[in-house]
């Protein structure tokens, strides 16, 4: 029974839950960025380089052929266009994460500065002078 309790304690620990949430959000974010690159960024770039679809770029190493039994053997290709697509996806994701980390660090610095500003200190002489002032006011109020 202690193994189950230990597993439950491990699974609900804050770091594990945070990690699970990060993985789920990261996966969704990756799909969004992939769509951004594939559907919005790459078509104009392809148009600029002559209407080329990067995912179709490949070098044929061996042409397709028909075997002696009549089955078609697929061509062997090196799909460097897909690689270019993945590299651009990675660069955009890395940049977006970098910007998010910069924002978080900036917010943390503002919090740290707010926490480190000491409250204004009152000089002992000022406190003494304030007490004397208050006593003089009190005494002058008693006089006719």
C-alpha atoms as a PDB file:
ATOM      1  CA  UNK A   1       0.000   0.000   0.000  1.00  0.00           C
ATOM      2  CA  UNK A   2       2.906   2.393   0.632  1.00  0.00           C
ATOM      3  CA  UNK A   3       3.969   2.138  -3.032  1.00  0.00           C
ATOM      4  CA  UNK A   4       0.589   3.484  -4.132  1.00  0.00           C
ATOM      5  CA  UNK A   5       0.773   6.282  -1.553  1.00  0.00           C
ATOM      6  CA  UNK A   6       4.288   7.219  -2.676  1.00  0.00           C
ATOM      7  CA  UNK A   7       3.163   7.251  -6.314  1.00  0.00           C
ATOM      8  CA  UNK A   8       0.162   9.450  -5.458  1.00  0.00           C
ATOM      9  CA  UNK A   9       2.401  11.857  -3.539  1.00  0.00           C
ATOM     10  CA  UNK A  10       4.805  11.941  -6.483  1.00  0.00           C
ATOM     11  CA  UNK A  11       2.076  12.433  -9.089  1.00  0.00           C
ATOM     12  CA  UNK A  12       0.368  15.306  -7.319  1.00  0.00           C
ATOM     13  CA  UNK A  13       3.562  17.091  -6.367  1.00  0.00           C
ATOM     14  CA  UNK A  14       3.584  20.620  -7.796  1.00  0.00           C
ATOM     15  CA  UNK A  15       6.562  20.100 -10.108  1.00  0.00           C
ATOM     16  CA  UNK A  16       5.078  17.019 -11.770  1.00  0.00           C
ATOM     17  CA  UNK A  17       1.724  18.695 -12.353  1.00  0.00           C
ATOM     18  CA  UNK A  18       3.451  21.813 -13.696  1.00  0.00           C
ATOM     19  CA  UNK A  19       5.538  19.672 -16.032  1.00  0.00           C
ATOM     20  CA  UNK A  20       2.465  17.841 -17.324  1.00  0.00           C
ATOM     21  CA  UNK A  21       0.710  21.129 -18.006  1.00  0.00           C
ATOM     22  CA  UNK A  22       3.809  22.474 -19.761  1.00  0.00           C
ATOM     23  CA  UNK A  23       4.022  19.405 -22.000  1.00  0.00           C
ATOM     24  CA  UNK A  24       0.365  19.671 -22.994  1.00  0.00           C
ATOM     25  CA  UNK A  25       0.571  23.397 -23.682  1.00  0.00           C
ATOM     26  CA  UNK A  26       3.898  22.908 -25.479  1.00  0.00           C
ATOM     27  CA  UNK A  27       2.348  20.325 -27.796  1.00  0.00           C
ATOM     28  CA  UNK A  28      -0.536  22.633 -28.629  1.00  0.00           C
ATOM     29  CA  UNK A  29       1.859  25.539 -29.104  1.00  0.00           C
ATOM     30  CA  UNK A  30       3.981  23.406 -31.447  1.00  0.00           C
ATOM     31  CA  UNK A  31       0.950  22.660 -33.623  1.00  0.00           C
ATOM     32  CA  UNK A  32       0.048  26.351 -33.747  1.00  0.00           C
ATOM     33  CA  UNK A  33       3.565  27.312 -34.791  1.00  0.00           C
ATOM     34  CA  UNK A  34       3.702  24.503 -37.358  1.00  0.00           C
ATOM     35  CA  UNK A  35       0.479  25.785 -38.883  1.00  0.00           C
ATOM     36  CA  UNK A  36       1.804  29.349 -38.805  1.00  0.00           C
ATOM     37  CA  UNK A  37       4.927  28.302 -40.667  1.00  0.00           C
ATOM     38  CA  UNK A  38       3.284  25.911 -43.119  1.00  0.00           C
ATOM     39  CA  UNK A  39       0.161  27.938 -43.902  1.00  0.00           C
ATOM     40  CA  UNK A  40       1.207  31.567 -43.489  1.00  0.00           C
ATOM     41  CA  UNK A  41       4.986  32.009 -43.676  1.00  0.00           C
ATOM     42  CA  UNK A  42       6.101  29.399 -46.211  1.00  0.00           C
ATOM     43  CA  UNK A  43       3.625  30.179 -49.061  1.00  0.00           C
ATOM     44  CA  UNK A  44       4.901  33.765 -49.518  1.00  0.00           C
ATOM     45  CA  UNK A  45       8.507  32.561 -49.264  1.00  0.00           C
ATOM     46  CA  UNK A  46       7.765  29.875 -51.836  1.00  0.00           C
ATOM     47  CA  UNK A  47       6.182  32.515 -54.074  1.00  0.00           C
ATOM     48  CA  UNK A  48       9.258  34.725 -53.742  1.00  0.00           C
ATOM     49  CA  UNK A  49      11.535  31.899 -54.874  1.00  0.00           C
ATOM     50  CA  UNK A  50       9.425  31.089 -57.908  1.00  0.00           C
ATOM     51  CA  UNK A  51       6.330  29.319 -56.603  1.00  0.00           C
ATOM     52  CA  UNK A  52       8.257  26.474 -55.023  1.00  0.00           C
ATOM     53  CA  UNK A  53       6.543  24.433 -52.306  1.00  0.00           C
ATOM     54  CA  UNK A  54       9.327  23.590 -49.872  1.00  0.00           C
ATOM     55  CA  UNK A  55       7.737  20.330 -48.771  1.00  0.00           C
ATOM     56  CA  UNK A  56       8.017  19.072 -52.366  1.00  0.00           C
ATOM     57  CA  UNK A  57      11.740  19.824 -52.689  1.00  0.00           C
ATOM     58  CA  UNK A  58      13.688  16.576 -52.953  1.00  0.00           C
ATOM     59  CA  UNK A  59      16.590  14.946 -54.741  1.00  0.00           C
ATOM     60  CA  UNK A  60      15.764  11.651 -56.449  1.00  0.00           C
ATOM     61  CA  UNK A  61      18.453   9.109 -55.594  1.00  0.00           C
ATOM     62  CA  UNK A  62      16.812   6.244 -57.445  1.00  0.00           C
ATOM     63  CA  UNK A  63      13.898   6.500 -59.859  1.00  0.00           C
ATOM     64  CA  UNK A  64      10.725   4.499 -59.312  1.00  0.00           C
ATOM     65  CA  UNK A  65      10.684   1.229 -61.203  1.00  0.00           C
ATOM     66  CA  UNK A  66       8.583  -1.842 -61.753  1.00  0.00           C
ATOM     67  CA  UNK A  67       9.920  -5.140 -60.411  1.00  0.00           C
ATOM     68  CA  UNK A  68       9.962  -8.412 -62.336  1.00  0.00           C
ATOM     69  CA  UNK A  69       6.752  -9.440 -60.564  1.00  0.00           C
ATOM     70  CA  UNK A  70       5.001  -6.292 -61.761  1.00  0.00           C
ATOM     71  CA  UNK A  71       5.010  -4.427 -58.430  1.00  0.00           C
ATOM     72  CA  UNK A  72       5.938  -0.767 -58.446  1.00  0.00           C
ATOM     73  CA  UNK A  73       9.000   0.055 -56.359  1.00  0.00           C
ATOM     74  CA  UNK A  74       8.821   3.611 -55.047  1.00  0.00           C
ATOM     75  CA  UNK A  75      11.532   6.111 -55.846  1.00  0.00           C
ATOM     76  CA  UNK A  76      14.210   6.788 -53.246  1.00  0.00           C
ATOM     77  CA  UNK A  77      14.334  10.505 -52.518  1.00  0.00           C
ATOM     78  CA  UNK A  78      16.158  12.849 -50.204  1.00  0.00           C
ATOM     79  CA  UNK A  79      13.453  15.254 -48.955  1.00  0.00           C
ATOM     80  CA  UNK A  80      15.486  18.320 -48.059  1.00  0.00           C
ATOM     81  CA  UNK A  81      12.417  20.577 -48.422  1.00  0.00           C
ATOM     82  CA  UNK A  82      10.763  18.932 -45.438  1.00  0.00           C
ATOM     83  CA  UNK A  83      13.994  19.453 -43.511  1.00  0.00           C
ATOM     84  CA  UNK A  84      13.991  23.159 -44.397  1.00  0.00           C
ATOM     85  CA  UNK A  85      10.386  23.334 -43.170  1.00  0.00           C
ATOM     86  CA  UNK A  86      11.294  21.723 -39.825  1.00  0.00           C
ATOM     87  CA  UNK A  87      14.306  24.029 -39.363  1.00  0.00           C
ATOM     88  CA  UNK A  88      12.112  27.094 -39.918  1.00  0.00           C
ATOM     89  CA  UNK A  89       9.514  25.675 -37.488  1.00  0.00           C
ATOM     90  CA  UNK A  90      12.244  25.200 -34.894  1.00  0.00           C
ATOM     91  CA  UNK A  91      13.632  28.712 -35.377  1.00  0.00           C
ATOM     92  CA  UNK A  92      10.205  30.279 -34.919  1.00  0.00           C
ATOM     93  CA  UNK A  93       9.384  28.144 -31.866  1.00  0.00           C
ATOM     94  CA  UNK A  94      12.783  28.909 -30.309  1.00  0.00           C
ATOM     95  CA  UNK A  95      12.312  32.630 -30.913  1.00  0.00           C
ATOM     96  CA  UNK A  96       8.796  32.594 -29.452  1.00  0.00           C
ATOM     97  CA  UNK A  97       9.988  30.749 -26.346  1.00  0.00           C
ATOM     98  CA  UNK A  98      12.924  33.168 -26.031  1.00  0.00           C
ATOM     99  CA  UNK A  99      10.507  36.104 -26.110  1.00  0.00           C
ATOM    100  CA  UNK A 100       8.273  34.468 -23.485  1.00  0.00           C
ATOM    101  CA  UNK A 101      11.270  33.862 -21.196  1.00  0.00           C
ATOM    102  CA  UNK A 102      12.379  37.481 -21.669  1.00  0.00           C
ATOM    103  CA  UNK A 103       8.906  38.686 -20.674  1.00  0.00           C
ATOM    104  CA  UNK A 104       8.816  36.433 -17.605  1.00  0.00           C
ATOM    105  CA  UNK A 105      12.311  37.563 -16.547  1.00  0.00           C
ATOM    106  CA  UNK A 106      11.317  41.209 -16.952  1.00  0.00           C
ATOM    107  CA  UNK A 107       8.250  40.669 -14.751  1.00  0.00           C
ATOM    108  CA  UNK A 108      10.327  38.828 -12.141  1.00  0.00           C
ATOM    109  CA  UNK A 109      12.887  41.665 -12.089  1.00  0.00           C
ATOM    110  CA  UNK A 110      10.118  44.194 -11.437  1.00  0.00           C
ATOM    111  CA  UNK A 111       8.829  42.049  -8.555  1.00  0.00           C
ATOM    112  CA  UNK A 112      12.345  41.641  -7.166  1.00  0.00           C
ATOM    113  CA  UNK A 113      12.971  45.392  -7.282  1.00  0.00           C
ATOM    114  CA  UNK A 114       9.669  46.076  -5.540  1.00  0.00           C
ATOM    115  CA  UNK A 115      10.563  43.543  -2.841  1.00  0.00           C
ATOM    116  CA  UNK A 116      14.077  44.915  -2.280  1.00  0.00           C
ATOM    117  CA  UNK A 117      13.121  48.582  -1.831  1.00  0.00           C
ATOM    118  CA  UNK A 118      13.359  49.107   1.920  1.00  0.00           C
ATOM    119  CA  UNK A 119      10.657  51.085   3.664  1.00  0.00           C
ATOM    120  CA  UNK A 120      11.703  54.652   4.400  1.00  0.00           C
ATOM    121  CA  UNK A 121      13.632  54.849   7.632  1.00  0.00           C
ATOM    122  CA  UNK A 122      12.863  57.510  10.172  1.00  0.00           C
ATOM    123  CA  UNK A 123      15.800  59.300  11.722  1.00  0.00           C
ATOM    124  CA  UNK A 124      15.886  59.277  15.545  1.00  0.00           C
ATOM    125  CA  UNK A 125      16.339  63.028  15.556  1.00  0.00           C
ATOM    126  CA  UNK A 126      13.185  63.440  13.477  1.00  0.00           C
ATOM    127  CA  UNK A 127      11.206  61.275  15.886  1.00  0.00           C
ATOM    128  CA  UNK A 128      12.489  63.286  18.846  1.00  0.00           C
ATOM    129  CA  UNK A 129      11.677  66.584  17.132  1.00  0.00           C
ATOM    130  CA  UNK A 130       8.162  65.347  16.327  1.00  0.00           C
ATOM    131  CA  UNK A 131       7.631  64.418  19.986  1.00  0.00           C
ATOM    132  CA  UNK A 132       8.852  67.860  21.113  1.00  0.00           C
ATOM    133  CA  UNK A 133       6.535  69.526  18.590  1.00  0.00           C
ATOM    134  CA  UNK A 134       3.576  67.498  19.824  1.00  0.00           C
ATOM    135  CA  UNK A 135       4.374  68.371  23.453  1.00  0.00           C
ATOM    136  CA  UNK A 136       4.638  72.077  22.620  1.00  0.00           C
ATOM    137  CA  UNK A 137       1.287  71.943  20.828  1.00  0.00           C
ATOM    138  CA  UNK A 138      -0.248  70.221  23.816  1.00  0.00           C
ATOM    139  CA  UNK A 139       1.183  72.790  26.259  1.00  0.00           C
ATOM    140  CA  UNK A 140       0.158  75.768  24.146  1.00  0.00           C
ATOM    141  CA  UNK A 141      -3.359  74.359  23.973  1.00  0.00           C
ATOM    142  CA  UNK A 142      -3.574  74.369  27.790  1.00  0.00           C
ATOM    143  CA  UNK A 143      -2.618  78.041  28.035  1.00  0.00           C
ATOM    144  CA  UNK A 144      -5.393  80.659  27.810  1.00  0.00           C
END
